[in-house]
N, C-alpha and C. Protein backbone atom coordinates (compact mmCIF):
# COMPACT_ATOMS: atom_id res chain seq x y z
N MET A 1 34.68 19.38 1.37
CA MET A 1 35.66 18.21 2.44
C MET A 1 37.13 18.24 2.98
N SER A 2 36.84 18.20 4.09
CA SER A 2 38.49 18.60 4.85
C SER A 2 39.43 17.81 3.79
N PRO A 3 40.68 18.33 4.32
CA PRO A 3 42.08 16.68 3.98
C PRO A 3 41.84 15.55 4.98
N ARG A 4 41.85 15.93 5.95
CA ARG A 4 42.14 14.98 6.86
C ARG A 4 41.03 14.03 6.83
N THR A 5 39.59 14.72 6.49
CA THR A 5 38.69 14.06 6.27
C THR A 5 38.14 12.34 4.84
N GLN A 6 38.76 13.44 4.15
CA GLN A 6 39.63 12.32 3.05
C GLN A 6 40.25 11.49 2.94
N ALA A 7 41.46 11.54 4.13
CA ALA A 7 42.42 10.88 4.04
C ALA A 7 41.83 10.15 4.77
N ALA A 8 40.90 10.41 6.36
CA ALA A 8 40.60 9.09 7.08
C ALA A 8 39.06 8.30 5.77
N ARG A 9 38.84 8.57 4.51
CA ARG A 9 38.34 8.11 4.61
C ARG A 9 38.86 6.90 3.02
N THR A 10 39.63 7.65 2.57
CA THR A 10 40.20 7.36 1.83
C THR A 10 41.25 5.28 2.77
N GLU A 11 41.93 6.40 3.88
CA GLU A 11 42.14 4.28 4.83
C GLU A 11 41.19 3.96 5.16
N ALA A 12 40.33 4.35 5.03
CA ALA A 12 38.46 3.50 5.51
C ALA A 12 38.35 2.71 4.19
N THR A 13 38.71 2.66 3.01
CA THR A 13 37.67 2.43 2.54
C THR A 13 39.32 1.13 1.68
N THR A 14 40.31 2.02 1.79
CA THR A 14 41.99 1.04 1.49
C THR A 14 41.74 -0.45 2.78
N GLY A 15 41.26 -0.59 4.04
CA GLY A 15 40.90 -1.08 4.59
C GLY A 15 39.73 -2.63 4.90
N GLN A 16 38.90 -1.42 3.88
CA GLN A 16 37.75 -2.99 3.32
C GLN A 16 38.19 -3.87 2.55
N LEU A 17 38.85 -2.79 1.14
CA LEU A 17 39.42 -3.64 0.32
C LEU A 17 40.29 -4.83 0.69
N LEU A 18 41.48 -3.81 1.53
CA LEU A 18 41.77 -5.04 2.18
C LEU A 18 41.24 -6.56 2.57
N ALA A 19 40.43 -5.86 3.60
CA ALA A 19 40.32 -7.52 5.19
C ALA A 19 39.65 -7.79 3.28
N ALA A 20 38.74 -6.95 2.52
CA ALA A 20 37.60 -8.57 1.52
C ALA A 20 38.99 -8.87 0.79
N ALA A 21 39.29 -8.48 0.11
CA ALA A 21 40.61 -9.38 -0.36
C ALA A 21 41.73 -10.13 0.15
N ARG A 22 41.67 -10.57 0.99
CA ARG A 22 42.49 -11.29 2.36
C ARG A 22 41.50 -12.47 2.66
N GLU A 23 40.15 -12.55 2.92
CA GLU A 23 39.25 -12.80 2.96
C GLU A 23 39.64 -13.57 1.65
N LEU A 24 39.25 -13.35 0.55
CA LEU A 24 38.95 -13.78 -0.75
C LEU A 24 39.65 -14.88 -1.74
N PHE A 25 41.10 -13.98 -1.52
CA PHE A 25 42.21 -14.64 -1.77
C PHE A 25 42.70 -15.74 -1.23
N GLY A 26 42.10 -15.88 0.42
CA GLY A 26 42.93 -16.29 0.75
C GLY A 26 42.13 -17.86 1.26
N ARG A 27 40.84 -18.26 0.49
CA ARG A 27 39.70 -19.30 0.24
C ARG A 27 39.81 -19.34 -0.72
N ASP A 28 39.87 -18.21 -2.05
CA ASP A 28 38.81 -19.07 -2.77
C ASP A 28 40.86 -18.94 -4.45
N GLY A 29 41.81 -18.97 -3.47
CA GLY A 29 43.16 -18.15 -4.48
C GLY A 29 42.42 -16.93 -4.91
N PHE A 30 43.80 -17.06 -6.31
CA PHE A 30 44.14 -14.63 -6.74
C PHE A 30 42.94 -15.78 -7.88
N ALA A 31 43.18 -16.48 -8.91
CA ALA A 31 42.76 -16.85 -9.71
C ALA A 31 41.10 -17.56 -9.80
N ALA A 32 40.93 -16.99 -9.04
CA ALA A 32 39.17 -17.62 -8.86
C ALA A 32 38.19 -16.16 -8.23
N THR A 33 39.62 -15.75 -7.68
CA THR A 33 38.83 -14.52 -6.71
C THR A 33 38.51 -13.11 -8.24
N SER A 34 37.59 -12.52 -8.35
CA SER A 34 37.42 -10.68 -9.10
C SER A 34 37.68 -9.79 -8.31
N ILE A 35 38.01 -8.67 -9.46
CA ILE A 35 37.78 -7.04 -7.98
C ILE A 35 37.02 -7.64 -8.19
N ASP A 36 35.28 -7.32 -9.09
CA ASP A 36 34.49 -7.20 -8.72
C ASP A 36 34.11 -8.06 -7.23
N ALA A 37 33.93 -9.59 -7.69
CA ALA A 37 33.67 -10.14 -5.96
C ALA A 37 34.33 -9.13 -4.40
N VAL A 38 36.29 -9.38 -5.04
CA VAL A 38 36.39 -8.25 -3.39
C VAL A 38 35.25 -6.68 -3.01
N ALA A 39 35.26 -5.76 -4.35
CA ALA A 39 34.95 -4.72 -3.72
C ALA A 39 33.26 -5.19 -3.53
N ALA A 40 32.46 -5.45 -3.66
CA ALA A 40 31.21 -6.38 -3.26
C ALA A 40 31.68 -7.00 -1.84
N ALA A 41 32.58 -7.90 -1.60
CA ALA A 41 32.24 -7.92 -0.59
C ALA A 41 33.39 -7.32 0.61
N GLY A 42 33.57 -6.06 -0.08
CA GLY A 42 34.20 -4.25 0.78
C GLY A 42 33.44 -3.88 1.00
N GLY A 43 32.12 -3.59 0.16
CA GLY A 43 31.01 -2.11 -0.07
C GLY A 43 31.33 -1.26 -0.10
N VAL A 44 32.40 -1.48 -1.18
CA VAL A 44 33.16 -0.06 -2.61
C VAL A 44 32.77 -1.06 -3.79
N THR A 45 32.30 -0.20 -4.46
CA THR A 45 31.92 0.01 -5.90
C THR A 45 33.34 -0.68 -6.65
N LYS A 46 32.75 -1.01 -7.51
CA LYS A 46 33.98 -1.42 -8.52
C LYS A 46 35.26 -0.53 -9.03
N GLY A 47 34.57 0.80 -9.03
CA GLY A 47 35.28 1.95 -9.55
C GLY A 47 35.88 2.49 -8.30
N ALA A 48 35.25 2.68 -7.03
CA ALA A 48 36.71 2.94 -5.63
C ALA A 48 37.58 1.64 -5.88
N ALA A 49 37.62 1.20 -6.00
CA ALA A 49 38.67 -0.49 -5.45
C ALA A 49 39.27 0.24 -7.08
N TYR A 50 39.31 0.05 -8.18
CA TYR A 50 40.07 0.60 -9.07
C TYR A 50 41.08 1.47 -8.58
N HIS A 51 40.20 2.70 -8.20
CA HIS A 51 40.85 3.98 -8.08
C HIS A 51 41.87 3.72 -6.81
N HIS A 52 41.89 2.53 -6.14
CA HIS A 52 42.62 2.19 -5.16
C HIS A 52 43.86 1.41 -5.30
N PHE A 53 43.58 0.09 -6.63
CA PHE A 53 43.67 -0.77 -6.77
C PHE A 53 44.50 -0.44 -7.59
N ALA A 54 45.50 -0.17 -8.97
CA ALA A 54 45.04 -0.71 -11.10
C ALA A 54 44.86 -1.81 -10.68
N THR A 55 45.36 -2.62 -10.64
CA THR A 55 45.10 -3.30 -11.25
C THR A 55 44.74 -5.35 -9.77
N LYS A 56 44.28 -6.63 -10.01
CA LYS A 56 44.37 -7.18 -8.85
C LYS A 56 45.44 -7.68 -8.56
N GLY A 57 46.36 -7.92 -9.50
CA GLY A 57 47.40 -7.83 -9.52
C GLY A 57 48.02 -6.68 -7.61
N ALA A 58 48.28 -5.60 -8.39
CA ALA A 58 47.99 -5.10 -7.30
C ALA A 58 47.59 -4.91 -5.92
N LEU A 59 46.85 -4.75 -5.56
CA LEU A 59 45.17 -5.62 -4.64
C LEU A 59 45.92 -6.55 -4.25
N PHE A 60 46.53 -7.64 -5.03
CA PHE A 60 47.12 -9.23 -4.08
C PHE A 60 48.91 -8.84 -3.92
N ARG A 61 49.00 -7.98 -4.05
CA ARG A 61 51.00 -7.26 -3.38
C ARG A 61 50.35 -7.02 -2.01
N ALA A 62 49.14 -5.81 -1.79
CA ALA A 62 49.18 -5.14 -0.76
C ALA A 62 48.79 -5.93 -0.09
N VAL A 63 47.79 -6.96 0.13
CA VAL A 63 47.63 -8.85 1.02
C VAL A 63 48.60 -8.91 2.19
N PHE A 64 49.73 -9.61 0.20
CA PHE A 64 50.60 -10.73 0.32
C PHE A 64 51.47 -9.61 1.05
N VAL A 65 51.67 -8.53 0.80
CA VAL A 65 52.95 -7.24 1.70
C VAL A 65 52.45 -7.40 3.27
N GLY A 66 51.02 -7.15 3.17
CA GLY A 66 49.98 -7.95 4.84
C GLY A 66 50.33 -8.46 5.52
N GLU A 67 50.85 -9.46 4.57
CA GLU A 67 50.11 -11.32 5.76
C GLU A 67 52.16 -11.24 5.94
N GLN A 68 53.03 -10.65 5.26
CA GLN A 68 54.12 -10.52 5.36
C GLN A 68 54.22 -9.96 7.08
N ASP A 69 53.84 -8.46 7.02
CA ASP A 69 53.71 -7.95 8.22
C ASP A 69 53.23 -8.62 9.16
N ARG A 70 52.10 -8.53 8.79
CA ARG A 70 51.44 -10.77 9.79
C ARG A 70 52.47 -10.99 11.09
N VAL A 71 53.51 -11.62 9.98
CA VAL A 71 54.39 -13.14 10.18
C VAL A 71 55.16 -12.22 10.64
N THR A 72 55.94 -11.44 10.13
CA THR A 72 57.18 -10.43 10.68
C THR A 72 57.00 -9.54 12.27
N ALA A 73 55.82 -9.42 12.81
CA ALA A 73 55.13 -8.85 13.47
C ALA A 73 55.19 -10.43 15.27
N GLU A 74 54.30 -11.05 14.45
CA GLU A 74 54.29 -12.16 15.36
C GLU A 74 55.68 -12.74 15.64
N LEU A 75 57.04 -13.09 14.82
CA LEU A 75 57.49 -13.50 14.88
C LEU A 75 58.23 -12.44 16.26
N LEU A 76 58.41 -10.84 16.31
CA LEU A 76 59.24 -9.97 16.27
C LEU A 76 58.60 -10.78 17.89
N ARG A 77 57.15 -10.90 18.02
CA ARG A 77 56.32 -10.70 19.66
C ARG A 77 56.67 -12.31 19.89
N THR A 78 56.72 -12.44 19.45
CA THR A 78 57.16 -15.08 20.30
C THR A 78 59.05 -14.86 20.67
N THR A 79 59.41 -14.90 19.56
CA THR A 79 60.48 -14.48 19.57
C THR A 79 61.32 -13.71 20.60
N ALA A 80 61.40 -12.30 21.42
CA ALA A 80 61.71 -12.10 22.17
C ALA A 80 60.94 -12.26 23.76
N GLN A 81 59.91 -12.92 23.61
CA GLN A 81 59.73 -13.71 24.78
C GLN A 81 60.96 -14.44 25.18
N GLU A 82 61.23 -14.81 24.48
CA GLU A 82 62.43 -16.20 25.09
C GLU A 82 64.28 -15.67 24.92
N PRO A 83 65.05 -16.57 26.60
CA PRO A 83 66.01 -16.24 27.62
C PRO A 83 66.88 -15.63 26.71
N ASP A 84 66.72 -16.76 24.70
CA ASP A 84 68.41 -16.46 24.24
C ASP A 84 67.66 -17.11 22.58
N PRO A 85 69.28 -17.12 22.26
CA PRO A 85 68.25 -16.45 20.78
C PRO A 85 69.04 -17.93 19.87
N PHE A 86 68.99 -19.60 20.63
CA PHE A 86 68.86 -20.16 19.91
C PHE A 86 67.15 -20.69 20.41
N ALA A 87 66.54 -20.49 22.07
CA ALA A 87 64.95 -20.58 21.73
C ALA A 87 64.83 -19.68 21.04
N ALA A 88 65.50 -18.48 20.58
CA ALA A 88 64.29 -17.32 20.33
C ALA A 88 64.29 -18.44 18.25
N LEU A 89 65.72 -19.10 18.13
CA LEU A 89 65.07 -19.35 16.24
C LEU A 89 64.06 -20.58 16.57
N ARG A 90 64.04 -20.73 17.67
CA ARG A 90 63.43 -22.28 17.72
C ARG A 90 61.90 -21.50 17.90
N ARG A 91 62.10 -21.23 18.95
CA ARG A 91 60.43 -20.43 18.82
C ARG A 91 59.85 -19.64 18.20
N GLY A 92 61.00 -19.23 16.59
CA GLY A 92 60.58 -18.50 15.04
C GLY A 92 60.00 -19.27 14.38
N CYS A 93 60.78 -20.48 14.31
CA CYS A 93 60.12 -22.00 13.71
C CYS A 93 58.95 -22.22 14.14
N ARG A 94 58.47 -22.49 15.09
CA ARG A 94 56.68 -22.92 15.83
C ARG A 94 56.51 -21.66 14.87
N THR A 95 55.95 -20.40 15.06
CA THR A 95 55.79 -19.45 14.64
C THR A 95 55.26 -19.36 13.65
N PHE A 96 56.34 -18.86 12.92
CA PHE A 96 56.17 -19.31 10.64
C PHE A 96 55.39 -20.72 11.03
N LEU A 97 55.98 -22.03 11.12
CA LEU A 97 55.08 -23.34 10.75
C LEU A 97 53.44 -22.88 11.24
N GLU A 98 53.37 -23.27 12.66
CA GLU A 98 52.08 -23.03 13.33
C GLU A 98 50.84 -21.35 11.94
N LEU A 99 51.70 -20.56 11.34
CA LEU A 99 50.16 -19.42 10.65
C LEU A 99 50.45 -20.26 9.13
N CYS A 100 50.95 -21.82 8.96
CA CYS A 100 51.44 -22.19 7.39
C CYS A 100 49.98 -23.43 7.72
N LEU A 101 49.25 -23.51 9.48
CA LEU A 101 48.36 -24.13 8.61
C LEU A 101 47.04 -23.29 9.23
N GLU A 102 47.40 -21.90 8.92
CA GLU A 102 46.46 -21.46 8.97
C GLU A 102 45.69 -21.74 6.81
N PRO A 103 44.72 -21.57 6.74
CA PRO A 103 44.64 -21.90 5.38
C PRO A 103 44.83 -20.32 4.39
N ALA A 104 44.48 -19.82 4.60
CA ALA A 104 45.21 -18.57 4.92
C ALA A 104 45.60 -17.82 4.18
N PHE A 105 46.36 -18.36 5.25
CA PHE A 105 48.14 -17.23 4.95
C PHE A 105 48.53 -18.86 4.33
N ARG A 106 48.45 -19.86 4.27
CA ARG A 106 49.08 -20.45 3.11
C ARG A 106 48.41 -20.55 1.60
N GLN A 107 47.71 -20.30 1.13
CA GLN A 107 47.22 -19.57 0.67
C GLN A 107 47.97 -18.71 -0.57
N ILE A 108 48.08 -17.76 0.07
CA ILE A 108 48.72 -16.47 -0.34
C ILE A 108 49.68 -16.33 -0.20
N VAL A 109 50.03 -16.39 1.12
CA VAL A 109 52.26 -16.78 0.99
C VAL A 109 52.72 -17.75 0.43
N LEU A 110 52.52 -18.50 0.31
CA LEU A 110 53.12 -19.59 0.44
C LEU A 110 52.26 -20.00 -1.26
N LEU A 111 51.52 -20.33 -2.06
CA LEU A 111 50.68 -21.25 -2.93
C LEU A 111 50.86 -19.73 -4.29
N ASP A 112 49.76 -18.59 -4.08
CA ASP A 112 49.86 -17.83 -5.00
C ASP A 112 51.39 -16.51 -4.62
N GLY A 113 51.06 -16.14 -3.73
CA GLY A 113 52.48 -15.38 -4.17
C GLY A 113 53.64 -15.50 -4.49
N PRO A 114 54.62 -16.81 -4.74
CA PRO A 114 55.42 -16.70 -5.37
C PRO A 114 55.29 -16.67 -6.75
N ALA A 115 53.63 -17.31 -7.61
CA ALA A 115 52.97 -17.57 -8.52
C ALA A 115 52.86 -16.72 -9.57
N VAL A 116 52.02 -15.65 -8.21
CA VAL A 116 51.03 -14.24 -9.39
C VAL A 116 52.10 -13.02 -9.21
N LEU A 117 53.48 -12.95 -8.07
CA LEU A 117 54.16 -12.35 -7.73
C LEU A 117 55.63 -12.31 -8.06
N GLY A 118 56.15 -13.08 -8.20
CA GLY A 118 57.70 -14.19 -9.10
C GLY A 118 58.49 -13.95 -7.49
N TRP A 119 59.25 -15.56 -8.20
CA TRP A 119 59.46 -15.50 -7.15
C TRP A 119 60.40 -14.43 -6.16
N GLN A 120 61.38 -12.91 -7.72
CA GLN A 120 62.66 -12.27 -7.37
C GLN A 120 61.65 -11.12 -5.99
N GLU A 121 60.13 -10.44 -6.78
CA GLU A 121 59.58 -9.36 -5.74
C GLU A 121 58.75 -10.93 -4.43
N VAL A 122 58.85 -12.45 -4.32
CA VAL A 122 57.94 -12.21 -3.21
C VAL A 122 59.68 -12.15 -1.98
N ARG A 123 60.79 -12.68 -2.79
CA ARG A 123 61.94 -12.13 -1.97
C ARG A 123 62.02 -10.86 -1.31
N ALA A 124 62.11 -10.03 -2.53
CA ALA A 124 62.13 -8.50 -2.62
C ALA A 124 61.62 -7.93 -0.98
N ILE A 125 59.93 -8.73 -0.74
CA ILE A 125 59.08 -8.25 0.07
C ILE A 125 59.71 -8.24 1.26
N GLN A 126 59.86 -10.26 1.27
CA GLN A 126 60.98 -10.65 2.22
C GLN A 126 61.44 -10.02 3.44
N SER A 127 62.08 -10.24 2.95
CA SER A 127 64.18 -10.10 2.86
C SER A 127 63.10 -8.41 3.42
N GLU A 128 62.98 -7.64 3.62
CA GLU A 128 62.52 -6.24 4.47
C GLU A 128 61.91 -7.01 5.37
N ARG A 129 61.15 -8.42 5.87
CA ARG A 129 60.17 -8.26 7.07
C ARG A 129 60.81 -10.01 7.37
N ALA A 130 60.20 -10.97 7.24
CA ALA A 130 60.00 -12.23 8.26
C ALA A 130 61.90 -12.35 7.57
N LEU A 131 62.42 -12.71 6.85
CA LEU A 131 63.45 -12.81 6.00
C LEU A 131 64.71 -12.37 7.46
N ARG A 132 64.67 -11.36 7.61
CA ARG A 132 65.07 -10.06 8.11
C ARG A 132 65.07 -10.58 9.27
N VAL A 133 64.22 -10.46 10.08
CA VAL A 133 63.47 -11.61 11.13
C VAL A 133 64.66 -12.89 11.80
N LEU A 134 64.81 -13.94 10.82
CA LEU A 134 65.48 -15.18 10.79
C LEU A 134 66.49 -14.67 11.01
N ALA A 135 67.47 -13.65 9.73
CA ALA A 135 69.09 -13.60 9.53
C ALA A 135 69.73 -12.62 10.33
N ASP A 136 68.40 -11.71 11.88
CA ASP A 136 69.02 -11.70 13.03
C ASP A 136 69.40 -11.87 14.04
N GLY A 137 67.90 -13.78 13.81
CA GLY A 137 68.23 -14.03 15.69
C GLY A 137 69.51 -14.83 15.12
N MET A 138 69.81 -15.25 13.61
CA MET A 138 71.28 -15.88 12.88
C MET A 138 72.05 -15.70 13.48
N ARG A 139 72.04 -14.42 13.14
CA ARG A 139 73.32 -13.18 13.16
C ARG A 139 74.01 -13.59 15.46
N VAL A 140 73.07 -13.50 16.07
CA VAL A 140 73.05 -13.43 17.13
C VAL A 140 73.65 -14.51 17.25
N ALA A 141 73.15 -15.82 17.18
CA ALA A 141 72.68 -17.31 17.68
C ALA A 141 74.28 -17.52 17.15
N ALA A 142 75.04 -16.69 15.25
CA ALA A 142 76.19 -17.46 15.78
C ALA A 142 77.17 -16.59 15.96
N ALA A 143 77.17 -16.03 16.77
CA ALA A 143 78.64 -14.64 17.50
C ALA A 143 78.41 -15.91 19.12
N LEU A 144 77.09 -16.33 19.19
CA LEU A 144 77.03 -16.84 20.92
C LEU A 144 77.61 -18.36 20.63
N ALA A 145 77.78 -18.50 19.49
CA ALA A 145 78.16 -19.81 18.78
C ALA A 145 79.69 -20.02 18.54
N GLY A 146 80.29 -18.47 18.46
CA GLY A 146 81.84 -18.46 18.71
C GLY A 146 82.16 -18.35 16.87
N GLU A 147 81.06 -17.45 16.01
CA GLU A 147 80.98 -16.92 14.65
C GLU A 147 80.89 -15.87 14.93
N PRO A 148 81.78 -15.01 15.11
CA PRO A 148 81.26 -13.66 15.31
C PRO A 148 81.19 -13.00 13.69
N GLY A 149 81.02 -12.45 13.54
CA GLY A 149 80.79 -11.89 12.52
C GLY A 149 80.47 -12.24 10.58
N VAL A 150 80.17 -13.60 11.28
CA VAL A 150 79.82 -14.28 10.58
C VAL A 150 78.14 -13.69 8.94
N ASP A 151 79.01 -14.74 8.11
CA ASP A 151 77.79 -13.42 6.85
C ASP A 151 76.91 -14.75 6.80
N VAL A 152 75.53 -14.30 7.30
CA VAL A 152 74.59 -15.48 7.92
C VAL A 152 72.91 -15.25 6.86
N THR A 153 73.64 -14.98 6.01
CA THR A 153 73.24 -14.80 4.77
C THR A 153 71.91 -15.80 3.92
N ALA A 154 73.87 -16.36 3.49
CA ALA A 154 73.23 -17.93 3.31
C ALA A 154 72.20 -18.20 3.88
N ARG A 155 72.95 -18.49 4.87
CA ARG A 155 71.98 -19.55 6.24
C ARG A 155 70.66 -19.57 5.97
N ALA A 156 70.06 -17.61 6.08
CA ALA A 156 69.14 -17.09 6.52
C ALA A 156 68.42 -18.11 4.70
N HIS A 157 68.59 -17.38 4.18
CA HIS A 157 68.18 -18.15 3.04
C HIS A 157 67.34 -19.48 2.91
N LEU A 158 68.17 -20.33 2.73
CA LEU A 158 68.46 -22.05 2.75
C LEU A 158 67.07 -21.87 4.35
N ALA A 159 67.11 -21.31 5.40
CA ALA A 159 66.35 -22.16 6.82
C ALA A 159 64.91 -21.66 5.90
N PHE A 160 65.56 -20.05 5.52
CA PHE A 160 63.19 -19.51 5.44
C PHE A 160 63.14 -20.42 4.22
N GLY A 161 63.92 -20.58 2.52
CA GLY A 161 63.45 -21.73 2.39
C GLY A 161 62.38 -23.10 2.66
N ALA A 162 63.78 -23.91 3.30
CA ALA A 162 63.32 -25.36 4.00
C ALA A 162 62.17 -24.94 5.27
N LEU A 163 61.67 -23.51 6.01
CA LEU A 163 60.12 -23.29 6.31
C LEU A 163 59.24 -23.06 5.55
N CYS A 164 59.62 -22.04 4.35
CA CYS A 164 57.85 -22.78 3.07
C CYS A 164 57.62 -23.44 2.87
N GLU A 165 58.93 -24.40 2.71
CA GLU A 165 58.75 -25.89 2.18
C GLU A 165 57.87 -26.72 3.34
N ALA A 166 58.22 -26.54 4.51
CA ALA A 166 58.12 -27.35 5.17
C ALA A 166 56.32 -26.74 5.79
N GLY A 167 55.82 -25.53 5.16
CA GLY A 167 54.75 -24.78 5.19
C GLY A 167 54.04 -25.50 4.28
N MET A 168 54.77 -25.95 3.63
CA MET A 168 53.91 -26.97 2.15
C MET A 168 53.05 -28.14 2.69
N LEU A 169 54.37 -28.92 3.33
CA LEU A 169 54.10 -29.31 3.41
C LEU A 169 53.07 -30.43 4.66
N LEU A 170 52.94 -29.01 5.70
CA LEU A 170 52.23 -28.72 6.43
C LEU A 170 50.50 -29.35 5.36
N ALA A 171 50.81 -28.23 4.39
CA ALA A 171 49.55 -27.97 3.96
C ALA A 171 49.36 -29.12 3.44
N ARG A 172 49.69 -30.76 2.96
CA ARG A 172 49.58 -32.03 2.49
C ARG A 172 49.08 -32.87 3.24
N ALA A 173 49.94 -32.38 4.54
CA ALA A 173 49.77 -33.08 4.77
C ALA A 173 48.25 -33.70 5.75
N ASP A 174 48.55 -35.30 5.98
CA ASP A 174 46.98 -35.54 6.41
C ASP A 174 46.15 -35.91 8.08
N ASP A 175 47.67 -35.64 8.61
CA ASP A 175 48.15 -35.14 10.15
C ASP A 175 48.56 -33.55 9.59
N PRO A 176 48.19 -32.81 9.95
CA PRO A 176 49.27 -32.14 9.97
C PRO A 176 49.32 -31.95 11.70
N ASP A 177 49.22 -31.85 13.10
CA ASP A 177 49.83 -31.65 13.68
C ASP A 177 50.59 -32.87 14.12
N ALA A 178 50.14 -34.00 13.10
CA ALA A 178 51.95 -34.58 13.22
C ALA A 178 52.67 -34.98 12.62
N ALA A 179 52.20 -33.73 11.30
CA ALA A 179 53.90 -32.92 10.53
C ALA A 179 54.17 -32.08 11.18
N LEU A 180 53.72 -31.08 12.07
CA LEU A 180 53.87 -29.94 12.57
C LEU A 180 54.99 -30.35 13.81
N HIS A 181 54.63 -31.48 14.48
CA HIS A 181 55.23 -32.34 15.59
C HIS A 181 57.31 -32.50 14.91
N ALA A 182 56.72 -33.25 13.90
CA ALA A 182 58.18 -33.89 13.19
C ALA A 182 57.98 -32.68 12.62
N LEU A 183 58.25 -32.03 12.47
CA LEU A 183 59.19 -30.87 10.70
C LEU A 183 59.69 -30.07 12.87
N LEU A 184 59.38 -29.77 13.86
CA LEU A 184 60.30 -28.61 14.63
C LEU A 184 60.24 -29.49 15.72
N ALA A 185 60.42 -31.45 15.22
CA ALA A 185 62.52 -31.88 15.89
C ALA A 185 62.90 -31.66 15.06
N GLU A 186 62.58 -31.65 14.06
CA GLU A 186 64.10 -31.14 12.88
C GLU A 186 64.72 -30.61 12.96
N ALA A 187 63.67 -29.03 12.51
CA ALA A 187 64.42 -27.74 13.69
C ALA A 187 64.87 -27.46 14.71
N GLU A 188 64.57 -28.18 15.68
CA GLU A 188 65.02 -28.17 16.97
C GLU A 188 66.41 -28.86 16.81
N ARG A 189 66.84 -29.64 15.79
CA ARG A 189 67.43 -30.84 15.78
C ARG A 189 68.35 -29.68 14.72
N LEU A 190 68.15 -29.10 13.79
CA LEU A 190 68.84 -28.30 13.48
C LEU A 190 69.15 -26.83 14.19
N VAL A 191 68.23 -26.00 15.45
CA VAL A 191 69.50 -25.03 16.13
C VAL A 191 70.01 -25.55 16.76
N GLY A 192 69.91 -26.57 17.25
CA GLY A 192 71.08 -27.69 17.92
C GLY A 192 72.42 -27.76 17.60
N ALA A 193 72.03 -27.28 16.14
CA ALA A 193 73.65 -28.40 15.68
C ALA A 193 74.31 -26.68 15.52
N MET A 194 73.21 -25.41 15.35
CA MET A 194 74.24 -24.56 15.34
C MET A 194 74.83 -24.02 16.00
N ALA A 195 73.88 -24.85 17.72
CA ALA A 195 74.42 -23.70 19.11
C ALA A 195 75.79 -24.72 19.51
N ARG A 196 76.06 -26.02 19.07
CA ARG A 196 77.64 -26.73 18.54
C ARG A 196 78.45 -25.51 18.36
N PRO A 197 79.60 -25.07 18.98
CA PRO A 197 80.73 -24.47 18.10
C PRO A 197 81.46 -25.32 17.29
């Protein structure tokens, strides 16, 4: 078998496992999902699953990273359409909160991520992705607001933590649409405050 064919087969199997794991982790949660169930849903053997991912935790981490890559790509796509950094921050808040309305995203990223991976690992993964996008946007906005060179690290962590908590609030809301509207109004006020030097 040629190396290219083996690499393609490996990539296909990994993709099948990740898709099945995302569905099951997102629907049932980490604790209720077994490697056996993921392998069956992915159409591979349990041995193949363990060949690609040594533990259920390693598989979950790969799914979590995939969700972080997805949110980062969506943030970059939507904020690039905005005319200024403050509008981009508002749009980024909306984009993130709308993703939190997706049950699978909420389960994997907000509920199971910190419990399974630990806070430090979650933040390390996010720091390279969505948190970086937020910090970059805040840095540009700070410069425009007359705060060039300000270290926005603490500000970005505070804002990102607030967005994650807001996502949890949406998860528990009786009326998610009304909760989203209220949270976006608050985000608008916070971003507006940043715009005032």
